[in-house]
PDB file of N, CA and C in Angstrom:
ATOM      1  N   UNK A   1     187.254  81.682  45.129  1.00  0.00           N
ATOM      2  CA  UNK A   1     188.565  81.681  44.515  1.00  0.00           C
ATOM      3  C   UNK A   1     189.186  83.074  44.571  1.00  0.00           C
ATOM      4  N   UNK A   2     188.359  84.090  44.553  1.00  0.00           N
ATOM      5  CA  UNK A   2     188.862  85.453  44.582  1.00  0.00           C
ATOM      6  C   UNK A   2     189.588  85.745  45.895  1.00  0.00           C
ATOM      7  N   UNK A   3     189.103  85.171  46.985  1.00  0.00           N
ATOM      8  CA  UNK A   3     189.742  85.420  48.276  1.00  0.00           C
ATOM      9  C   UNK A   3     191.115  84.759  48.377  1.00  0.00           C
ATOM     10  N   UNK A   4     191.347  83.689  47.602  1.00  0.00           N
ATOM     11  CA  UNK A   4     192.651  83.025  47.609  1.00  0.00           C
ATOM     12  C   UNK A   4     193.740  83.990  47.142  1.00  0.00           C
ATOM     13  N   UNK A   5     193.465  84.764  46.115  1.00  0.00           N
ATOM     14  CA  UNK A   5     194.468  85.661  45.569  1.00  0.00           C
ATOM     15  C   UNK A   5     194.620  86.939  46.382  1.00  0.00           C
ATOM     16  N   UNK A   6     193.714  87.188  47.293  1.00  0.00           N
ATOM     17  CA  UNK A   6     193.847  88.340  48.182  1.00  0.00           C
ATOM     18  C   UNK A   6     194.775  88.035  49.363  1.00  0.00           C
ATOM     19  N   UNK A   7     195.019  86.759  49.617  1.00  0.00           N
ATOM     20  CA  UNK A   7     195.918  86.389  50.709  1.00  0.00           C
ATOM     21  C   UNK A   7     197.351  86.759  50.352  1.00  0.00           C
ATOM     22  N   UNK A   8     198.167  87.104  51.352  1.00  0.00           N
ATOM     23  CA  UNK A   8     199.594  87.360  51.070  1.00  0.00           C
ATOM     24  C   UNK A   8     200.282  86.087  50.572  1.00  0.00           C
ATOM     25  N   UNK A   9     201.360  86.281  49.835  1.00  0.00           N
ATOM     26  CA  UNK A   9     202.081  85.155  49.244  1.00  0.00           C
ATOM     27  C   UNK A   9     202.581  84.187  50.306  1.00  0.00           C
ATOM     28  N   UNK A  10     203.018  84.701  51.442  1.00  0.00           N
ATOM     29  CA  UNK A  10     203.538  83.834  52.495  1.00  0.00           C
ATOM     30  C   UNK A  10     202.449  82.904  53.041  1.00  0.00           C
ATOM     31  N   UNK A  11     201.241  83.403  53.196  1.00  0.00           N
ATOM     32  CA  UNK A  11     200.152  82.566  53.712  1.00  0.00           C
ATOM     33  C   UNK A  11     199.760  81.513  52.684  1.00  0.00           C
ATOM     34  N   UNK A  12     199.690  81.897  51.402  1.00  0.00           N
ATOM     35  CA  UNK A  12     199.383  80.913  50.357  1.00  0.00           C
ATOM     36  C   UNK A  12     200.451  79.835  50.296  1.00  0.00           C
ATOM     37  N   UNK A  13     201.706  80.242  50.403  1.00  0.00           N
ATOM     38  CA  UNK A  13     202.813  79.283  50.406  1.00  0.00           C
ATOM     39  C   UNK A  13     202.715  78.344  51.600  1.00  0.00           C
ATOM     40  N   UNK A  14     202.346  78.869  52.760  1.00  0.00           N
ATOM     41  CA  UNK A  14     202.198  78.037  53.954  1.00  0.00           C
ATOM     42  C   UNK A  14     201.070  77.038  53.828  1.00  0.00           C
ATOM     43  N   UNK A  15     199.956  77.437  53.229  1.00  0.00           N
ATOM     44  CA  UNK A  15     198.824  76.524  53.047  1.00  0.00           C
ATOM     45  C   UNK A  15     199.214  75.396  52.101  1.00  0.00           C
ATOM     46  N   UNK A  16     199.850  75.743  50.986  1.00  0.00           N
ATOM     47  CA  UNK A  16     200.267  74.725  50.020  1.00  0.00           C
ATOM     48  C   UNK A  16     201.324  73.814  50.628  1.00  0.00           C
ATOM     49  N   UNK A  17     202.275  74.381  51.358  1.00  0.00           N
ATOM     50  CA  UNK A  17     203.342  73.581  51.970  1.00  0.00           C
ATOM     51  C   UNK A  17     202.788  72.631  53.019  1.00  0.00           C
ATOM     52  N   UNK A  18     201.857  73.093  53.825  1.00  0.00           N
ATOM     53  CA  UNK A  18     201.261  72.228  54.846  1.00  0.00           C
ATOM     54  C   UNK A  18     200.467  71.103  54.203  1.00  0.00           C
ATOM     55  N   UNK A  19     199.727  71.415  53.152  1.00  0.00           N
ATOM     56  CA  UNK A  19     198.971  70.383  52.441  1.00  0.00           C
ATOM     57  C   UNK A  19     199.902  69.343  51.827  1.00  0.00           C
ATOM     58  N   UNK A  20     200.974  69.792  51.160  1.00  0.00           N
ATOM     59  CA  UNK A  20     201.917  68.851  50.558  1.00  0.00           C
ATOM     60  C   UNK A  20     202.665  68.036  51.613  1.00  0.00           C
ATOM     61  N   UNK A  21     202.976  68.648  52.750  1.00  0.00           N
ATOM     62  CA  UNK A  21     203.643  67.907  53.817  1.00  0.00           C
ATOM     63  C   UNK A  21     202.727  66.838  54.393  1.00  0.00           C
ATOM     64  N   UNK A  22     201.449  67.153  54.519  1.00  0.00           N
ATOM     65  CA  UNK A  22     200.473  66.157  54.967  1.00  0.00           C
ATOM     66  C   UNK A  22     200.369  65.019  53.952  1.00  0.00           C
ATOM     67  N   UNK A  23     200.351  65.355  52.673  1.00  0.00           N
ATOM     68  CA  UNK A  23     200.316  64.322  51.630  1.00  0.00           C
ATOM     69  C   UNK A  23     201.570  63.447  51.677  1.00  0.00           C
ATOM     70  N   UNK A  24     202.714  64.056  51.946  1.00  0.00           N
ATOM     71  CA  UNK A  24     203.955  63.285  52.033  1.00  0.00           C
ATOM     72  C   UNK A  24     203.920  62.316  53.207  1.00  0.00           C
ATOM     73  N   UNK A  25     203.381  62.749  54.333  1.00  0.00           N
ATOM     74  CA  UNK A  25     203.268  61.860  55.494  1.00  0.00           C
ATOM     75  C   UNK A  25     202.321  60.706  55.183  1.00  0.00           C
ATOM     76  N   UNK A  26     201.222  60.990  54.523  1.00  0.00           N
ATOM     77  CA  UNK A  26     200.274  59.928  54.148  1.00  0.00           C
ATOM     78  C   UNK A  26     200.930  58.960  53.179  1.00  0.00           C
ATOM     79  N   UNK A  27     201.699  59.463  52.223  1.00  0.00           N
ATOM     80  CA  UNK A  27     202.406  58.582  51.293  1.00  0.00           C
ATOM     81  C   UNK A  27     203.417  57.695  52.011  1.00  0.00           C
ATOM     82  N   UNK A  28     204.156  58.268  52.949  1.00  0.00           N
ATOM     83  CA  UNK A  28     205.135  57.467  53.692  1.00  0.00           C
ATOM     84  C   UNK A  28     204.453  56.405  54.548  1.00  0.00           C
ATOM     85  N   UNK A  29     203.326  56.754  55.159  1.00  0.00           N
ATOM     86  CA  UNK A  29     202.597  55.767  55.946  1.00  0.00           C
ATOM     87  C   UNK A  29     202.007  54.676  55.060  1.00  0.00           C
ATOM     88  N   UNK A  30     201.516  55.036  53.890  1.00  0.00           N
ATOM     89  CA  UNK A  30     200.976  54.013  52.988  1.00  0.00           C
ATOM     90  C   UNK A  30     202.092  53.099  52.494  1.00  0.00           C
ATOM     91  N   UNK A  31     203.292  53.657  52.276  1.00  0.00           N
ATOM     92  CA  UNK A  31     204.408  52.822  51.868  1.00  0.00           C
ATOM     93  C   UNK A  31     204.827  51.883  53.004  1.00  0.00           C
ATOM     94  N   UNK A  32     204.781  52.372  54.235  1.00  0.00           N
ATOM     95  CA  UNK A  32     205.192  51.560  55.378  1.00  0.00           C
ATOM     96  C   UNK A  32     204.254  50.367  55.569  1.00  0.00           C
ATOM     97  N   UNK A  33     202.962  50.588  55.417  1.00  0.00           N
ATOM     98  CA  UNK A  33     202.005  49.510  55.656  1.00  0.00           C
ATOM     99  C   UNK A  33     201.801  48.609  54.443  1.00  0.00           C
ATOM    100  N   UNK A  34     202.033  49.116  53.237  1.00  0.00           N
ATOM    101  CA  UNK A  34     201.863  48.303  52.039  1.00  0.00           C
ATOM    102  C   UNK A  34     202.855  48.774  50.976  1.00  0.00           C
ATOM    103  N   UNK A  35     204.103  48.276  51.022  1.00  0.00           N
ATOM    104  CA  UNK A  35     205.126  48.766  50.086  1.00  0.00           C
ATOM    105  C   UNK A  35     204.805  48.471  48.625  1.00  0.00           C
ATOM    106  N   UNK A  36     204.002  47.476  48.366  1.00  0.00           N
ATOM    107  CA  UNK A  36     203.675  47.131  46.987  1.00  0.00           C
ATOM    108  C   UNK A  36     202.782  48.146  46.303  1.00  0.00           C
ATOM    109  N   UNK A  37     202.041  48.917  47.062  1.00  0.00           N
ATOM    110  CA  UNK A  37     201.121  49.881  46.456  1.00  0.00           C
ATOM    111  C   UNK A  37     201.741  51.261  46.258  1.00  0.00           C
ATOM    112  N   UNK A  38     202.982  51.432  46.685  1.00  0.00           N
ATOM    113  CA  UNK A  38     203.622  52.745  46.581  1.00  0.00           C
ATOM    114  C   UNK A  38     204.089  52.987  45.160  1.00  0.00           C
ATOM    115  N   UNK A  39     203.761  54.152  44.612  1.00  0.00           N
ATOM    116  CA  UNK A  39     204.184  54.531  43.275  1.00  0.00           C
ATOM    117  C   UNK A  39     205.323  55.538  43.386  1.00  0.00           C
ATOM    118  N   UNK A  40     206.414  55.248  42.715  1.00  0.00           N
ATOM    119  CA  UNK A  40     207.562  56.152  42.779  1.00  0.00           C
ATOM    120  C   UNK A  40     207.342  57.423  41.969  1.00  0.00           C
ATOM    121  N   UNK A  41     206.298  57.467  41.162  1.00  0.00           N
ATOM    122  CA  UNK A  41     205.980  58.685  40.426  1.00  0.00           C
ATOM    123  C   UNK A  41     205.469  59.774  41.351  1.00  0.00           C
ATOM    124  N   UNK A  42     204.948  59.406  42.506  1.00  0.00           N
ATOM    125  CA  UNK A  42     204.486  60.395  43.476  1.00  0.00           C
ATOM    126  C   UNK A  42     205.541  60.702  44.532  1.00  0.00           C
ATOM    127  N   UNK A  43     206.735  60.179  44.364  1.00  0.00           N
ATOM    128  CA  UNK A  43     207.800  60.402  45.325  1.00  0.00           C
ATOM    129  C   UNK A  43     208.323  61.828  45.337  1.00  0.00           C
ATOM    130  N   UNK A  44     208.012  62.622  44.323  1.00  0.00           N
ATOM    131  CA  UNK A  44     208.466  64.016  44.295  1.00  0.00           C
ATOM    132  C   UNK A  44     207.886  64.801  45.458  1.00  0.00           C
ATOM    133  N   UNK A  45     206.701  64.397  45.911  1.00  0.00           N
ATOM    134  CA  UNK A  45     206.071  65.101  47.033  1.00  0.00           C
ATOM    135  C   UNK A  45     206.914  64.943  48.292  1.00  0.00           C
ATOM    136  N   UNK A  46     207.490  63.778  48.478  1.00  0.00           N
ATOM    137  CA  UNK A  46     208.294  63.506  49.667  1.00  0.00           C
ATOM    138  C   UNK A  46     209.543  64.392  49.686  1.00  0.00           C
ATOM    139  N   UNK A  47     210.076  64.721  48.517  1.00  0.00           N
ATOM    140  CA  UNK A  47     211.263  65.572  48.446  1.00  0.00           C
ATOM    141  C   UNK A  47     210.906  67.058  48.441  1.00  0.00           C
ATOM    142  N   UNK A  48     209.839  67.419  47.774  1.00  0.00           N
ATOM    143  CA  UNK A  48     209.494  68.821  47.568  1.00  0.00           C
ATOM    144  C   UNK A  48     208.782  69.436  48.767  1.00  0.00           C
ATOM    145  N   UNK A  49     207.952  68.679  49.452  1.00  0.00           N
ATOM    146  CA  UNK A  49     207.135  69.223  50.549  1.00  0.00           C
ATOM    147  C   UNK A  49     207.976  69.761  51.717  1.00  0.00           C
ATOM    148  N   UNK A  50     208.966  69.037  52.211  1.00  0.00           N
ATOM    149  CA  UNK A  50     209.762  69.612  53.320  1.00  0.00           C
ATOM    150  C   UNK A  50     210.539  70.863  52.916  1.00  0.00           C
ATOM    151  N   UNK A  51     211.026  70.899  51.676  1.00  0.00           N
ATOM    152  CA  UNK A  51     211.759  72.078  51.220  1.00  0.00           C
ATOM    153  C   UNK A  51     210.828  73.282  51.147  1.00  0.00           C
ATOM    154  N   UNK A  52     209.629  73.084  50.626  1.00  0.00           N
ATOM    155  CA  UNK A  52     208.664  74.178  50.553  1.00  0.00           C
ATOM    156  C   UNK A  52     208.230  74.625  51.940  1.00  0.00           C
ATOM    157  N   UNK A  53     208.088  73.677  52.866  1.00  0.00           N
ATOM    158  CA  UNK A  53     207.708  74.020  54.235  1.00  0.00           C
ATOM    159  C   UNK A  53     208.816  74.827  54.924  1.00  0.00           C
ATOM    160  N   UNK A  54     210.076  74.440  54.713  1.00  0.00           N
ATOM    161  CA  UNK A  54     211.192  75.197  55.283  1.00  0.00           C
ATOM    162  C   UNK A  54     211.315  76.576  54.643  1.00  0.00           C
ATOM    163  N   UNK A  55     211.003  76.685  53.352  1.00  0.00           N
ATOM    164  CA  UNK A  55     210.985  77.988  52.705  1.00  0.00           C
ATOM    165  C   UNK A  55     209.930  78.883  53.331  1.00  0.00           C
ATOM    166  N   UNK A  56     208.781  78.317  53.637  1.00  0.00           N
ATOM    167  CA  UNK A  56     207.721  79.082  54.297  1.00  0.00           C
ATOM    168  C   UNK A  56     208.160  79.547  55.686  1.00  0.00           C
ATOM    169  N   UNK A  57     208.841  78.686  56.430  1.00  0.00           N
ATOM    170  CA  UNK A  57     209.296  79.061  57.765  1.00  0.00           C
ATOM    171  C   UNK A  57     210.364  80.158  57.726  1.00  0.00           C
ATOM    172  N   UNK A  58     211.188  80.152  56.702  1.00  0.00           N
ATOM    173  CA  UNK A  58     212.286  81.115  56.619  1.00  0.00           C
ATOM    174  C   UNK A  58     211.932  82.348  55.796  1.00  0.00           C
ATOM    175  N   UNK A  59     210.668  82.515  55.461  1.00  0.00           N
ATOM    176  CA  UNK A  59     210.254  83.573  54.540  1.00  0.00           C
ATOM    177  C   UNK A  59     210.672  84.973  55.008  1.00  0.00           C
ATOM    178  N   UNK A  60     210.486  85.287  56.284  1.00  0.00           N
ATOM    179  CA  UNK A  60     210.812  86.637  56.763  1.00  0.00           C
ATOM    180  C   UNK A  60     212.307  86.917  56.674  1.00  0.00           C
ATOM    181  N   UNK A  61     213.129  85.908  56.919  1.00  0.00           N
ATOM    182  CA  UNK A  61     214.577  86.104  56.805  1.00  0.00           C
ATOM    183  C   UNK A  61     215.012  86.203  55.343  1.00  0.00           C
ATOM    184  N   UNK A  62     214.365  85.454  54.473  1.00  0.00           N
ATOM    185  CA  UNK A  62     214.726  85.484  53.061  1.00  0.00           C
ATOM    186  C   UNK A  62     214.325  86.798  52.399  1.00  0.00           C
ATOM    187  N   UNK A  63     213.287  87.442  52.921  1.00  0.00           N
ATOM    188  CA  UNK A  63     212.878  88.731  52.373  1.00  0.00           C
ATOM    189  C   UNK A  63     213.919  89.817  52.625  1.00  0.00           C
ATOM    190  N   UNK A  64     214.736  89.654  53.631  1.00  0.00           N
ATOM    191  CA  UNK A  64     215.735  90.666  53.984  1.00  0.00           C
ATOM    192  C   UNK A  64     216.974  90.628  53.099  1.00  0.00           C
ATOM    193  N   UNK A  65     217.137  89.572  52.309  1.00  0.00           N
ATOM    194  CA  UNK A  65     218.295  89.455  51.422  1.00  0.00           C
ATOM    195  C   UNK A  65     218.075  90.359  50.205  1.00  0.00           C
ATOM    196  N   UNK A  66     219.036  91.223  49.875  1.00  0.00           N
ATOM    197  CA  UNK A  66     218.866  92.127  48.725  1.00  0.00           C
ATOM    198  C   UNK A  66     218.722  91.358  47.410  1.00  0.00           C
ATOM    199  N   UNK A  67     218.081  91.998  46.452  1.00  0.00           N
ATOM    200  CA  UNK A  67     217.793  91.341  45.182  1.00  0.00           C
ATOM    201  C   UNK A  67     219.058  90.969  44.419  1.00  0.00           C
ATOM    202  N   UNK A  68     220.101  91.770  44.527  1.00  0.00           N
ATOM    203  CA  UNK A  68     221.298  91.461  43.771  1.00  0.00           C
ATOM    204  C   UNK A  68     222.037  90.254  44.359  1.00  0.00           C
ATOM    205  N   UNK A  69     221.836  89.963  45.645  1.00  0.00           N
ATOM    206  CA  UNK A  69     222.407  88.733  46.215  1.00  0.00           C
ATOM    207  C   UNK A  69     221.721  87.508  45.621  1.00  0.00           C
ATOM    208  N   UNK A  70     220.415  87.631  45.371  1.00  0.00           N
ATOM    209  CA  UNK A  70     219.693  86.516  44.748  1.00  0.00           C
ATOM    210  C   UNK A  70     220.230  86.241  43.349  1.00  0.00           C
ATOM    211  N   UNK A  71     220.556  87.289  42.603  1.00  0.00           N
ATOM    212  CA  UNK A  71     221.105  87.108  41.260  1.00  0.00           C
ATOM    213  C   UNK A  71     222.460  86.424  41.325  1.00  0.00           C
ATOM    214  N   UNK A  72     223.297  86.838  42.270  1.00  0.00           N
ATOM    215  CA  UNK A  72     224.615  86.211  42.428  1.00  0.00           C
ATOM    216  C   UNK A  72     224.459  84.736  42.793  1.00  0.00           C
ATOM    217  N   UNK A  73     223.535  84.434  43.726  1.00  0.00           N
ATOM    218  CA  UNK A  73     223.334  83.030  44.114  1.00  0.00           C
ATOM    219  C   UNK A  73     222.821  82.201  42.945  1.00  0.00           C
ATOM    220  N   UNK A  74     221.927  82.774  42.133  1.00  0.00           N
ATOM    221  CA  UNK A  74     221.419  82.043  40.975  1.00  0.00           C
ATOM    222  C   UNK A  74     222.532  81.745  39.985  1.00  0.00           C
ATOM    223  N   UNK A  75     223.403  82.723  39.722  1.00  0.00           N
ATOM    224  CA  UNK A  75     224.524  82.521  38.805  1.00  0.00           C
ATOM    225  C   UNK A  75     225.471  81.447  39.346  1.00  0.00           C
ATOM    226  N   UNK A  76     225.756  81.488  40.636  1.00  0.00           N
ATOM    227  CA  UNK A  76     226.631  80.475  41.241  1.00  0.00           C
ATOM    228  C   UNK A  76     225.994  79.085  41.134  1.00  0.00           C
ATOM    229  N   UNK A  77     224.685  78.984  41.366  1.00  0.00           N
ATOM    230  CA  UNK A  77     224.008  77.689  41.246  1.00  0.00           C
ATOM    231  C   UNK A  77     224.036  77.156  39.817  1.00  0.00           C
ATOM    232  N   UNK A  78     223.871  78.038  38.833  1.00  0.00           N
ATOM    233  CA  UNK A  78     223.937  77.600  37.433  1.00  0.00           C
ATOM    234  C   UNK A  78     225.337  77.120  37.097  1.00  0.00           C
ATOM    235  N   UNK A  79     226.358  77.853  37.535  1.00  0.00           N
ATOM    236  CA  UNK A  79     227.739  77.437  37.278  1.00  0.00           C
ATOM    237  C   UNK A  79     228.025  76.097  37.945  1.00  0.00           C
ATOM    238  N   UNK A  80     227.549  75.919  39.175  1.00  0.00           N
ATOM    239  CA  UNK A  80     227.788  74.657  39.878  1.00  0.00           C
ATOM    240  C   UNK A  80     226.996  73.507  39.263  1.00  0.00           C
ATOM    241  N   UNK A  81     225.855  73.807  38.658  1.00  0.00           N
ATOM    242  CA  UNK A  81     225.091  72.756  37.985  1.00  0.00           C
ATOM    243  C   UNK A  81     225.799  72.298  36.712  1.00  0.00           C
ATOM    244  N   UNK A  82     226.461  73.238  36.029  1.00  0.00           N
ATOM    245  CA  UNK A  82     227.176  72.893  34.806  1.00  0.00           C
ATOM    246  C   UNK A  82     228.500  72.201  35.131  1.00  0.00           C
ATOM    247  N   UNK A  83     229.225  72.734  36.086  1.00  0.00           N
ATOM    248  CA  UNK A  83     230.516  72.176  36.492  1.00  0.00           C
ATOM    249  C   UNK A  83     230.444  71.782  37.972  1.00  0.00           C
ATOM    250  N   UNK A  84     230.107  70.527  38.279  1.00  0.00           N
ATOM    251  CA  UNK A  84     229.921  70.118  39.674  1.00  0.00           C
ATOM    252  C   UNK A  84     231.167  70.268  40.547  1.00  0.00           C
ATOM    253  N   UNK A  85     232.328  70.370  39.961  1.00  0.00           N
ATOM    254  CA  UNK A  85     233.547  70.552  40.740  1.00  0.00           C
ATOM    255  C   UNK A  85     233.607  71.895  41.463  1.00  0.00           C
ATOM    256  N   UNK A  86     232.819  72.850  41.009  1.00  0.00           N
ATOM    257  CA  UNK A  86     232.799  74.174  41.625  1.00  0.00           C
ATOM    258  C   UNK A  86     231.947  74.243  42.883  1.00  0.00           C
ATOM    259  N   UNK A  87     231.310  73.139  43.275  1.00  0.00           N
ATOM    260  CA  UNK A  87     230.516  73.156  44.512  1.00  0.00           C
ATOM    261  C   UNK A  87     231.377  73.457  45.723  1.00  0.00           C
ATOM    262  N   UNK A  88     232.639  73.034  45.673  1.00  0.00           N
ATOM    263  CA  UNK A  88     233.545  73.317  46.793  1.00  0.00           C
ATOM    264  C   UNK A  88     233.770  74.815  46.966  1.00  0.00           C
ATOM    265  N   UNK A  89     233.635  75.572  45.903  1.00  0.00           N
ATOM    266  CA  UNK A  89     233.753  77.021  45.967  1.00  0.00           C
ATOM    267  C   UNK A  89     232.382  77.694  46.067  1.00  0.00           C
ATOM    268  N   UNK A  90     231.379  77.096  45.441  1.00  0.00           N
ATOM    269  CA  UNK A  90     230.050  77.693  45.393  1.00  0.00           C
ATOM    270  C   UNK A  90     229.308  77.669  46.718  1.00  0.00           C
ATOM    271  N   UNK A  91     229.429  76.610  47.479  1.00  0.00           N
ATOM    272  CA  UNK A  91     228.729  76.516  48.762  1.00  0.00           C
ATOM    273  C   UNK A  91     229.222  77.574  49.752  1.00  0.00           C
ATOM    274  N   UNK A  92     230.532  77.792  49.907  1.00  0.00           N
ATOM    275  CA  UNK A  92     230.951  78.880  50.805  1.00  0.00           C
ATOM    276  C   UNK A  92     230.509  80.267  50.320  1.00  0.00           C
ATOM    277  N   UNK A  93     230.477  80.482  49.005  1.00  0.00           N
ATOM    278  CA  UNK A  93     230.030  81.781  48.488  1.00  0.00           C
ATOM    279  C   UNK A  93     228.566  82.013  48.839  1.00  0.00           C
ATOM    280  N   UNK A  94     227.723  81.019  48.605  1.00  0.00           N
ATOM    281  CA  UNK A  94     226.299  81.149  48.924  1.00  0.00           C
ATOM    282  C   UNK A  94     226.105  81.282  50.430  1.00  0.00           C
ATOM    283  N   UNK A  95     226.859  80.524  51.219  1.00  0.00           N
ATOM    284  CA  UNK A  95     226.764  80.643  52.675  1.00  0.00           C
ATOM    285  C   UNK A  95     227.157  82.020  53.166  1.00  0.00           C
ATOM    286  N   UNK A  96     228.186  82.599  52.569  1.00  0.00           N
ATOM    287  CA  UNK A  96     228.603  83.950  52.955  1.00  0.00           C
ATOM    288  C   UNK A  96     227.526  84.971  52.601  1.00  0.00           C
ATOM    289  N   UNK A  97     226.933  84.823  51.426  1.00  0.00           N
ATOM    290  CA  UNK A  97     225.890  85.765  51.005  1.00  0.00           C
ATOM    291  C   UNK A  97     224.686  85.685  51.934  1.00  0.00           C
ATOM    292  N   UNK A  98     224.290  84.484  52.312  1.00  0.00           N
ATOM    293  CA  UNK A  98     223.085  84.323  53.129  1.00  0.00           C
ATOM    294  C   UNK A  98     223.328  84.713  54.583  1.00  0.00           C
ATOM    295  N   UNK A  99     224.450  84.288  55.162  1.00  0.00           N
ATOM    296  CA  UNK A  99     224.626  84.419  56.603  1.00  0.00           C
ATOM    297  C   UNK A  99     225.474  85.602  57.047  1.00  0.00           C
ATOM    298  N   UNK A 100     226.196  86.237  56.139  1.00  0.00           N
ATOM    299  CA  UNK A 100     227.037  87.371  56.544  1.00  0.00           C
ATOM    300  C   UNK A 100     226.165  88.604  56.769  1.00  0.00           C
ATOM    301  N   UNK A 101     226.456  89.314  57.820  1.00  0.00           N
ATOM    302  CA  UNK A 101     225.727  90.554  58.129  1.00  0.00           C
ATOM    303  C   UNK A 101     226.500  91.718  57.525  1.00  0.00           C
ATOM    304  N   UNK A 102     225.863  92.440  56.644  1.00  0.00           N
ATOM    305  CA  UNK A 102     226.498  93.580  56.009  1.00  0.00           C
ATOM    306  C   UNK A 102     226.083  94.850  56.726  1.00  0.00           C
ATOM    307  N   UNK A 103     227.033  95.708  56.960  1.00  0.00           N
ATOM    308  CA  UNK A 103     226.731  96.987  57.600  1.00  0.00           C
ATOM    309  C   UNK A 103     226.157  97.934  56.559  1.00  0.00           C
ATOM    310  N   UNK A 104     225.161  98.682  56.983  1.00  0.00           N
ATOM    311  CA  UNK A 104     224.538  99.632  56.052  1.00  0.00           C
ATOM    312  C   UNK A 104     225.029 101.024  56.323  1.00  0.00           C
TER     313      UNK A 104
END
């Protein structure tokens, strides 16, 4: 167990994401062959595993985003969660923060 915590965060995230993605594929196959045995309580894996796997793939690019951009994105997400009408404004703001290249 000690060696698990010595691994970098990106590698630990990749191991967990790959395991959850494999579990999601097994769940989807079990649902396909026997829909009656599928439990919707385990459906969170099907939604969470691909997102975690994509986060692992984009880790190096996400590390380059400054910390204050993360705070701005979090505030925009909270505002959009409270007032869903602001998504029309919030999505372009988050897209600009993530994809715009700032000169240093």
